[in-house]
PDB file of N, CA and C in Angstrom:
ATOM      1  N   MET A   1    -100.752  11.228  34.013  1.00  0.00           N
ATOM      2  CA  MET A   1     -99.328  11.461  33.952  1.00  0.00           C
ATOM      3  C   MET A   1     -98.999  12.255  32.695  1.00  0.00           C
ATOM      4  N   SER A   2     -97.932  12.986  32.751  1.00  0.00           N
ATOM      5  CA  SER A   2     -97.486  13.741  31.590  1.00  0.00           C
ATOM      6  C   SER A   2     -96.717  12.821  30.640  1.00  0.00           C
ATOM      7  N   ILE A   3     -96.365  13.339  29.503  1.00  0.00           N
ATOM      8  CA  ILE A   3     -95.603  12.560  28.522  1.00  0.00           C
ATOM      9  C   ILE A   3     -94.258  12.143  29.106  1.00  0.00           C
ATOM     10  N   LEU A   4     -93.600  13.046  29.785  1.00  0.00           N
ATOM     11  CA  LEU A   4     -92.313  12.720  30.414  1.00  0.00           C
ATOM     12  C   LEU A   4     -92.491  11.645  31.482  1.00  0.00           C
ATOM     13  N   GLY A   5     -93.581  11.717  32.220  1.00  0.00           N
ATOM     14  CA  GLY A   5     -93.874  10.695  33.223  1.00  0.00           C
ATOM     15  C   GLY A   5     -94.083   9.326  32.597  1.00  0.00           C
ATOM     16  N   TRP A   6     -94.799   9.273  31.457  1.00  0.00           N
ATOM     17  CA  TRP A   6     -95.001   8.006  30.758  1.00  0.00           C
ATOM     18  C   TRP A   6     -93.682   7.450  30.231  1.00  0.00           C
ATOM     19  N   ILE A   7     -92.796   8.329  29.748  1.00  0.00           N
ATOM     20  CA  ILE A   7     -91.504   7.879  29.234  1.00  0.00           C
ATOM     21  C   ILE A   7     -90.656   7.291  30.355  1.00  0.00           C
ATOM     22  N   ILE A   8     -90.599   7.969  31.486  1.00  0.00           N
ATOM     23  CA  ILE A   8     -89.814   7.465  32.617  1.00  0.00           C
ATOM     24  C   ILE A   8     -90.427   6.184  33.165  1.00  0.00           C
ATOM     25  N   PHE A   9     -91.745   6.153  33.294  1.00  0.00           N
ATOM     26  CA  PHE A   9     -92.439   4.955  33.759  1.00  0.00           C
ATOM     27  C   PHE A   9     -92.211   3.797  32.795  1.00  0.00           C
ATOM     28  N   GLY A  10     -92.285   4.058  31.501  1.00  0.00           N
ATOM     29  CA  GLY A  10     -92.042   3.028  30.494  1.00  0.00           C
ATOM     30  C   GLY A  10     -90.623   2.521  30.529  1.00  0.00           C
ATOM     31  N   LEU A  11     -89.664   3.410  30.743  1.00  0.00           N
ATOM     32  CA  LEU A  11     -88.262   3.006  30.828  1.00  0.00           C
ATOM     33  C   LEU A  11     -88.021   2.092  32.020  1.00  0.00           C
ATOM     34  N   ILE A  12     -88.578   2.447  33.168  1.00  0.00           N
ATOM     35  CA  ILE A  12     -88.392   1.636  34.373  1.00  0.00           C
ATOM     36  C   ILE A  12     -89.059   0.279  34.227  1.00  0.00           C
ATOM     37  N   THR A  13     -90.308   0.252  33.804  1.00  0.00           N
ATOM     38  CA  THR A  13     -91.019  -1.024  33.697  1.00  0.00           C
ATOM     39  C   THR A  13     -90.468  -1.883  32.571  1.00  0.00           C
ATOM     40  N   GLY A  14     -90.084  -1.281  31.456  1.00  0.00           N
ATOM     41  CA  GLY A  14     -89.485  -2.034  30.364  1.00  0.00           C
ATOM     42  C   GLY A  14     -88.155  -2.641  30.760  1.00  0.00           C
ATOM     43  N   PHE A  15     -87.359  -1.891  31.510  1.00  0.00           N
ATOM     44  CA  PHE A  15     -86.072  -2.397  31.985  1.00  0.00           C
ATOM     45  C   PHE A  15     -86.264  -3.582  32.923  1.00  0.00           C
ATOM     46  N   ILE A  16     -87.188  -3.462  33.850  1.00  0.00           N
ATOM     47  CA  ILE A  16     -87.460  -4.557  34.796  1.00  0.00           C
ATOM     48  C   ILE A  16     -87.953  -5.790  34.044  1.00  0.00           C
ATOM     49  N   ALA A  17     -88.869  -5.608  33.108  1.00  0.00           N
ATOM     50  CA  ALA A  17     -89.405  -6.745  32.356  1.00  0.00           C
ATOM     51  C   ALA A  17     -88.329  -7.403  31.498  1.00  0.00           C
ATOM     52  N   SER A  18     -87.464  -6.613  30.867  1.00  0.00           N
ATOM     53  CA  SER A  18     -86.423  -7.208  30.035  1.00  0.00           C
ATOM     54  C   SER A  18     -85.392  -7.942  30.878  1.00  0.00           C
ATOM     55  N   LYS A  19     -85.148  -7.498  32.086  1.00  0.00           N
ATOM     56  CA  LYS A  19     -84.248  -8.225  32.986  1.00  0.00           C
ATOM     57  C   LYS A  19     -84.886  -9.516  33.479  1.00  0.00           C
ATOM     58  N   ILE A  20     -86.198  -9.532  33.636  1.00  0.00           N
ATOM     59  CA  ILE A  20     -86.897 -10.757  34.043  1.00  0.00           C
ATOM     60  C   ILE A  20     -86.836 -11.790  32.920  1.00  0.00           C
ATOM     61  N   VAL A  21     -87.003 -11.348  31.693  1.00  0.00           N
ATOM     62  CA  VAL A  21     -87.122 -12.279  30.568  1.00  0.00           C
ATOM     63  C   VAL A  21     -85.764 -12.770  30.079  1.00  0.00           C
ATOM     64  N   ASN A  22     -84.789 -11.890  29.872  1.00  0.00           N
ATOM     65  CA  ASN A  22     -83.554 -12.369  29.257  1.00  0.00           C
ATOM     66  C   ASN A  22     -82.256 -11.862  29.870  1.00  0.00           C
ATOM     67  N   ASP A  23     -82.248 -11.216  30.972  1.00  0.00           N
ATOM     68  CA  ASP A  23     -81.057 -10.800  31.738  1.00  0.00           C
ATOM     69  C   ASP A  23     -80.115  -9.823  31.046  1.00  0.00           C
ATOM     70  N   ARG A  24     -80.411  -9.320  29.852  1.00  0.00           N
ATOM     71  CA  ARG A  24     -79.461  -8.407  29.235  1.00  0.00           C
ATOM     72  C   ARG A  24     -80.069  -7.076  28.843  1.00  0.00           C
ATOM     73  N   GLY A  25     -81.341  -6.938  28.869  1.00  0.00           N
ATOM     74  CA  GLY A  25     -81.978  -5.686  28.490  1.00  0.00           C
ATOM     75  C   GLY A  25     -82.202  -5.612  26.992  1.00  0.00           C
ATOM     76  N   GLU A  26     -82.949  -4.628  26.572  1.00  0.00           N
ATOM     77  CA  GLU A  26     -83.309  -4.486  25.165  1.00  0.00           C
ATOM     78  C   GLU A  26     -82.843  -3.169  24.569  1.00  0.00           C
ATOM     79  N   GLY A  27     -82.308  -2.282  25.349  1.00  0.00           N
ATOM     80  CA  GLY A  27     -81.927  -0.959  24.862  1.00  0.00           C
ATOM     81  C   GLY A  27     -82.918   0.082  25.358  1.00  0.00           C
ATOM     82  N   CYS A  28     -82.484   1.311  25.392  1.00  0.00           N
ATOM     83  CA  CYS A  28     -83.270   2.380  25.996  1.00  0.00           C
ATOM     84  C   CYS A  28     -84.613   2.599  25.293  1.00  0.00           C
ATOM     85  N   PHE A  29     -84.599   2.769  23.983  1.00  0.00           N
ATOM     86  CA  PHE A  29     -85.840   3.084  23.276  1.00  0.00           C
ATOM     87  C   PHE A  29     -86.793   1.901  23.244  1.00  0.00           C
ATOM     88  N   LEU A  30     -86.258   0.694  23.084  1.00  0.00           N
ATOM     89  CA  LEU A  30     -87.121  -0.480  23.096  1.00  0.00           C
ATOM     90  C   LEU A  30     -87.685  -0.724  24.490  1.00  0.00           C
ATOM     91  N   ASN A  31     -86.915  -0.430  25.535  1.00  0.00           N
ATOM     92  CA  ASN A  31     -87.437  -0.556  26.898  1.00  0.00           C
ATOM     93  C   ASN A  31     -88.579   0.424  27.154  1.00  0.00           C
ATOM     94  N   ILE A  32     -88.457   1.647  26.639  1.00  0.00           N
ATOM     95  CA  ILE A  32     -89.535   2.630  26.800  1.00  0.00           C
ATOM     96  C   ILE A  32     -90.798   2.153  26.088  1.00  0.00           C
ATOM     97  N   ALA A  33     -90.642   1.734  24.837  1.00  0.00           N
ATOM     98  CA  ALA A  33     -91.793   1.247  24.075  1.00  0.00           C
ATOM     99  C   ALA A  33     -92.388   0.009  24.729  1.00  0.00           C
ATOM    100  N   LEU A  34     -91.528  -0.869  25.203  1.00  0.00           N
ATOM    101  CA  LEU A  34     -91.974  -2.085  25.868  1.00  0.00           C
ATOM    102  C   LEU A  34     -92.738  -1.765  27.148  1.00  0.00           C
ATOM    103  N   GLY A  35     -92.259  -0.824  27.930  1.00  0.00           N
ATOM    104  CA  GLY A  35     -92.934  -0.453  29.170  1.00  0.00           C
ATOM    105  C   GLY A  35     -94.282   0.207  28.941  1.00  0.00           C
ATOM    106  N   VAL A  36     -94.353   1.097  27.953  1.00  0.00           N
ATOM    107  CA  VAL A  36     -95.633   1.753  27.667  1.00  0.00           C
ATOM    108  C   VAL A  36     -96.624   0.743  27.098  1.00  0.00           C
ATOM    109  N   ALA A  37     -96.166  -0.100  26.171  1.00  0.00           N
ATOM    110  CA  ALA A  37     -97.050  -1.138  25.623  1.00  0.00           C
ATOM    111  C   ALA A  37     -97.464  -2.120  26.712  1.00  0.00           C
ATOM    112  N   GLY A  38     -96.551  -2.437  27.604  1.00  0.00           N
ATOM    113  CA  GLY A  38     -96.876  -3.327  28.721  1.00  0.00           C
ATOM    114  C   GLY A  38     -97.897  -2.724  29.659  1.00  0.00           C
ATOM    115  N   ALA A  39     -97.814  -1.420  29.870  1.00  0.00           N
ATOM    116  CA  ALA A  39     -98.813  -0.755  30.709  1.00  0.00           C
ATOM    117  C   ALA A  39    -100.191  -0.822  30.071  1.00  0.00           C
ATOM    118  N   VAL A  40    -100.240  -0.662  28.758  1.00  0.00           N
ATOM    119  CA  VAL A  40    -101.530  -0.738  28.057  1.00  0.00           C
ATOM    120  C   VAL A  40    -102.076  -2.164  28.100  1.00  0.00           C
ATOM    121  N   VAL A  41    -101.214  -3.143  27.797  1.00  0.00           N
ATOM    122  CA  VAL A  41    -101.648  -4.548  27.803  1.00  0.00           C
ATOM    123  C   VAL A  41    -102.037  -4.995  29.214  1.00  0.00           C
ATOM    124  N   GLY A  42    -101.216  -4.666  30.188  1.00  0.00           N
ATOM    125  CA  GLY A  42    -101.527  -5.039  31.572  1.00  0.00           C
ATOM    126  C   GLY A  42    -102.785  -4.367  32.079  1.00  0.00           C
ATOM    127  N   GLY A  43    -102.973  -3.084  31.734  1.00  0.00           N
ATOM    128  CA  GLY A  43    -104.190  -2.381  32.137  1.00  0.00           C
ATOM    129  C   GLY A  43    -105.430  -2.980  31.507  1.00  0.00           C
ATOM    130  N   ALA A  44    -105.336  -3.333  30.222  1.00  0.00           N
ATOM    131  CA  ALA A  44    -106.478  -3.962  29.555  1.00  0.00           C
ATOM    132  C   ALA A  44    -106.772  -5.326  30.151  1.00  0.00           C
ATOM    133  N   MET A  45    -105.712  -6.076  30.446  1.00  0.00           N
ATOM    134  CA  MET A  45    -105.882  -7.413  31.007  1.00  0.00           C
ATOM    135  C   MET A  45    -106.535  -7.357  32.401  1.00  0.00           C
ATOM    136  N   PHE A  46    -106.059  -6.464  33.239  1.00  0.00           N
ATOM    137  CA  PHE A  46    -106.602  -6.381  34.590  1.00  0.00           C
ATOM    138  C   PHE A  46    -108.002  -5.780  34.606  1.00  0.00           C
ATOM    139  N   SER A  47    -108.296  -4.832  33.726  1.00  0.00           N
ATOM    140  CA  SER A  47    -109.656  -4.290  33.703  1.00  0.00           C
ATOM    141  C   SER A  47    -110.627  -5.323  33.127  1.00  0.00           C
ATOM    142  N   PHE A  48    -110.167  -6.195  32.219  1.00  0.00           N
ATOM    143  CA  PHE A  48    -111.000  -7.286  31.726  1.00  0.00           C
ATOM    144  C   PHE A  48    -111.325  -8.264  32.857  1.00  0.00           C
ATOM    145  N   LEU A  49    -110.379  -8.454  33.777  1.00  0.00           N
ATOM    146  CA  LEU A  49    -110.595  -9.344  34.920  1.00  0.00           C
ATOM    147  C   LEU A  49    -111.395  -8.682  36.036  1.00  0.00           C
ATOM    148  N   GLY A  50    -111.678  -7.394  35.907  1.00  0.00           N
ATOM    149  CA  GLY A  50    -112.516  -6.707  36.879  1.00  0.00           C
ATOM    150  C   GLY A  50    -111.760  -5.957  37.959  1.00  0.00           C
ATOM    151  N   GLU A  51    -110.444  -5.898  37.854  1.00  0.00           N
ATOM    152  CA  GLU A  51    -109.645  -5.156  38.832  1.00  0.00           C
ATOM    153  C   GLU A  51    -109.585  -3.686  38.433  1.00  0.00           C
ATOM    154  N   PRO A  52    -109.647  -2.787  39.397  1.00  0.00           N
ATOM    155  CA  PRO A  52    -109.516  -1.367  39.057  1.00  0.00           C
ATOM    156  C   PRO A  52    -108.079  -1.034  38.667  1.00  0.00           C
ATOM    157  N   VAL A  53    -107.928  -0.257  37.626  1.00  0.00           N
ATOM    158  CA  VAL A  53    -106.612   0.147  37.149  1.00  0.00           C
ATOM    159  C   VAL A  53    -106.523   1.657  37.237  1.00  0.00           C
ATOM    160  N   PHE A  54    -105.472   2.154  37.875  1.00  0.00           N
ATOM    161  CA  PHE A  54    -105.289   3.587  38.062  1.00  0.00           C
ATOM    162  C   PHE A  54    -104.148   4.058  37.185  1.00  0.00           C
ATOM    163  N   PHE A  55    -104.312   5.212  36.566  1.00  0.00           N
ATOM    164  CA  PHE A  55    -103.301   5.742  35.667  1.00  0.00           C
ATOM    165  C   PHE A  55    -102.447   6.780  36.377  1.00  0.00           C
ATOM    166  N   HIS A  56    -101.803   6.352  37.444  1.00  0.00           N
ATOM    167  CA  HIS A  56    -100.838   7.194  38.129  1.00  0.00           C
ATOM    168  C   HIS A  56     -99.724   6.289  38.649  1.00  0.00           C
ATOM    169  N   PHE A  57     -98.643   6.886  39.073  1.00  0.00           N
ATOM    170  CA  PHE A  57     -97.482   6.124  39.494  1.00  0.00           C
ATOM    171  C   PHE A  57     -97.700   5.551  40.889  1.00  0.00           C
ATOM    172  N   SER A  58     -97.763   4.228  40.972  1.00  0.00           N
ATOM    173  CA  SER A  58     -97.865   3.531  42.245  1.00  0.00           C
ATOM    174  C   SER A  58     -97.267   2.140  42.069  1.00  0.00           C
ATOM    175  N   LEU A  59     -97.099   1.436  43.157  1.00  0.00           N
ATOM    176  CA  LEU A  59     -96.552   0.076  43.065  1.00  0.00           C
ATOM    177  C   LEU A  59     -97.508  -0.854  42.325  1.00  0.00           C
ATOM    178  N   TRP A  60     -98.817  -0.675  42.504  1.00  0.00           N
ATOM    179  CA  TRP A  60     -99.791  -1.508  41.806  1.00  0.00           C
ATOM    180  C   TRP A  60     -99.723  -1.289  40.299  1.00  0.00           C
ATOM    181  N   SER A  61     -99.657  -0.034  39.876  1.00  0.00           N
ATOM    182  CA  SER A  61     -99.574   0.234  38.441  1.00  0.00           C
ATOM    183  C   SER A  61     -98.242  -0.247  37.873  1.00  0.00           C
ATOM    184  N   MET A  62     -97.180  -0.195  38.673  1.00  0.00           N
ATOM    185  CA  MET A  62     -95.881  -0.715  38.248  1.00  0.00           C
ATOM    186  C   MET A  62     -95.956  -2.230  38.057  1.00  0.00           C
ATOM    187  N   PHE A  63     -96.604  -2.931  38.988  1.00  0.00           N
ATOM    188  CA  PHE A  63     -96.765  -4.380  38.880  1.00  0.00           C
ATOM    189  C   PHE A  63     -97.562  -4.747  37.636  1.00  0.00           C
ATOM    190  N   VAL A  64     -98.659  -4.046  37.395  1.00  0.00           N
ATOM    191  CA  VAL A  64     -99.506  -4.306  36.225  1.00  0.00           C
ATOM    192  C   VAL A  64     -98.710  -4.059  34.947  1.00  0.00           C
ATOM    193  N   ALA A  65     -97.950  -2.970  34.894  1.00  0.00           N
ATOM    194  CA  ALA A  65     -97.179  -2.644  33.699  1.00  0.00           C
ATOM    195  C   ALA A  65     -96.052  -3.644  33.460  1.00  0.00           C
ATOM    196  N   VAL A  66     -95.368  -4.079  34.514  1.00  0.00           N
ATOM    197  CA  VAL A  66     -94.295  -5.060  34.354  1.00  0.00           C
ATOM    198  C   VAL A  66     -94.864  -6.389  33.879  1.00  0.00           C
ATOM    199  N   LEU A  67     -95.975  -6.806  34.438  1.00  0.00           N
ATOM    200  CA  LEU A  67     -96.603  -8.049  34.005  1.00  0.00           C
ATOM    201  C   LEU A  67     -97.019  -7.967  32.536  1.00  0.00           C
ATOM    202  N   GLY A  68     -97.611  -6.869  32.138  1.00  0.00           N
ATOM    203  CA  GLY A  68     -97.977  -6.672  30.739  1.00  0.00           C
ATOM    204  C   GLY A  68     -96.751  -6.602  29.837  1.00  0.00           C
ATOM    205  N   ALA A  69     -95.675  -5.970  30.302  1.00  0.00           N
ATOM    206  CA  ALA A  69     -94.453  -5.865  29.509  1.00  0.00           C
ATOM    207  C   ALA A  69     -93.782  -7.217  29.334  1.00  0.00           C
ATOM    208  N   VAL A  70     -93.842  -8.075  30.343  1.00  0.00           N
ATOM    209  CA  VAL A  70     -93.291  -9.428  30.215  1.00  0.00           C
ATOM    210  C   VAL A  70     -94.060 -10.188  29.136  1.00  0.00           C
ATOM    211  N   ILE A  71     -95.370 -10.051  29.124  1.00  0.00           N
ATOM    212  CA  ILE A  71     -96.186 -10.711  28.095  1.00  0.00           C
ATOM    213  C   ILE A  71     -95.843 -10.168  26.715  1.00  0.00           C
ATOM    214  N   VAL A  72     -95.735  -8.850  26.588  1.00  0.00           N
ATOM    215  CA  VAL A  72     -95.387  -8.233  25.306  1.00  0.00           C
ATOM    216  C   VAL A  72     -93.989  -8.673  24.867  1.00  0.00           C
ATOM    217  N   LEU A  73     -93.061  -8.770  25.807  1.00  0.00           N
ATOM    218  CA  LEU A  73     -91.691  -9.159  25.467  1.00  0.00           C
ATOM    219  C   LEU A  73     -91.611 -10.609  25.008  1.00  0.00           C
ATOM    220  N   TYR A  74     -92.363 -11.506  25.640  1.00  0.00           N
ATOM    221  CA  TYR A  74     -92.388 -12.890  25.174  1.00  0.00           C
ATOM    222  C   TYR A  74     -92.967 -12.978  23.763  1.00  0.00           C
ATOM    223  N   ILE A  75     -93.999 -12.211  23.483  1.00  0.00           N
ATOM    224  CA  ILE A  75     -94.575 -12.194  22.136  1.00  0.00           C
ATOM    225  C   ILE A  75     -93.574 -11.609  21.142  1.00  0.00           C
ATOM    226  N   TYR A  76     -92.880 -10.538  21.528  1.00  0.00           N
ATOM    227  CA  TYR A  76     -91.865  -9.920  20.678  1.00  0.00           C
ATOM    228  C   TYR A  76     -90.755 -10.917  20.343  1.00  0.00           C
ATOM    229  N   HIS A  77     -90.290 -11.657  21.341  1.00  0.00           N
ATOM    230  CA  HIS A  77     -89.234 -12.640  21.111  1.00  0.00           C
ATOM    231  C   HIS A  77     -89.734 -13.807  20.248  1.00  0.00           C
ATOM    232  N   ALA A  78     -90.988 -14.181  20.389  1.00  0.00           N
ATOM    233  CA  ALA A  78     -91.530 -15.251  19.561  1.00  0.00           C
ATOM    234  C   ALA A  78     -91.627 -14.813  18.099  1.00  0.00           C
ATOM    235  N   VAL A  79     -91.998 -13.564  17.867  1.00  0.00           N
ATOM    236  CA  VAL A  79     -92.136 -13.063  16.499  1.00  0.00           C
ATOM    237  C   VAL A  79     -90.774 -12.839  15.839  1.00  0.00           C
ATOM    238  N   THR A  80     -89.810 -12.288  16.580  1.00  0.00           N
ATOM    239  CA  THR A  80     -88.505 -11.994  15.991  1.00  0.00           C
ATOM    240  C   THR A  80     -87.566 -13.179  16.009  1.00  0.00           C
ATOM    241  N   GLY A  81     -87.884 -14.223  16.728  1.00  0.00           N
ATOM    242  CA  GLY A  81     -87.037 -15.402  16.769  1.00  0.00           C
ATOM    243  C   GLY A  81     -85.893 -15.329  17.755  1.00  0.00           C
ATOM    244  N   ARG A  82     -85.904 -14.352  18.629  1.00  0.00           N
ATOM    245  CA  ARG A  82     -84.858 -14.263  19.650  1.00  0.00           C
ATOM    246  C   ARG A  82     -85.115 -15.272  20.747  1.00  0.00           C
ATOM    247  N   LYS A  83     -84.054 -15.684  21.403  1.00  0.00           N
ATOM    248  CA  LYS A  83     -84.196 -16.638  22.494  1.00  0.00           C
ATOM    249  C   LYS A  83     -84.364 -15.893  23.809  1.00  0.00           C
ATOM    250  N   THR A  84     -85.131 -16.494  24.712  1.00  0.00           N
ATOM    251  CA  THR A  84     -85.293 -15.938  26.040  1.00  0.00           C
ATOM    252  C   THR A  84     -84.516 -16.802  27.020  1.00  0.00           C
ATOM    253  N   LEU A  85     -84.305 -16.292  28.195  1.00  0.00           N
ATOM    254  CA  LEU A  85     -83.544 -16.998  29.213  1.00  0.00           C
ATOM    255  C   LEU A  85     -84.304 -18.199  29.737  1.00  0.00           C
ATOM    256  N   ARG A  86     -85.577 -18.047  29.922  1.00  0.00           N
ATOM    257  CA  ARG A  86     -86.357 -19.125  30.550  1.00  0.00           C
ATOM    258  C   ARG A  86     -87.162 -19.878  29.541  1.00  0.00           C
TER     259      ARG A  86
END
């Protein structure tokens, strides 16, 4: 994917993950960073488990990135002291 593709993918996955965790979102730039970091964490996690990870836009890569972004967001909230919905 191109840089613009990663930014759009990160924005979408970060937005979905922030809505799952706390229902209000984190802001545009934090959602992008959260989505890209979530894609990296989710990809590393799934490749460690032996699942193939593809670096292109698909529903599977979206699921992996959202799952990784939720994990990153919970860690972010634990470090900064923010409360989560659940």
